[in-house]
């Protein structure tokens, strides 16, 4: 059973920045595709970004392109989501998710494609 911890959420003003972290237990991160998702109150969970197992491929939902950057450090067993120019509409609980795909050069931002989920971290963008 893969275990990981999402962290880094906070209250930030519009235009500010946050960096979320997803730390995976054990030295296995390099075998997993990682995605970041978010869920705002009353809305469905949506994919934000993803990165392939070896980091060669990333995807972003249109609303965060140019503002968010996903990266991974397999040596530290951690995936990051750098979020800049934050907007009130980015307010949500953010979840890290994983799926075992060591040889897949692509990644997905569809919730149905992931089977391991973190506990979530709250991001609130407000003045």
Foldseek 3Di string as FASTA:
>chain_A
DKDWAKDWADEAAAQAKIKIKIAIPDLDQLQKKKWKWWDDPPGDIWTAKIADSNRQEMDGDPVQPPFWDWDDDSVRRMIMIIGGRDDQVVWTWMKMFIDGHNPDRYDDRDPVRTDGIHPTDTHGYHD
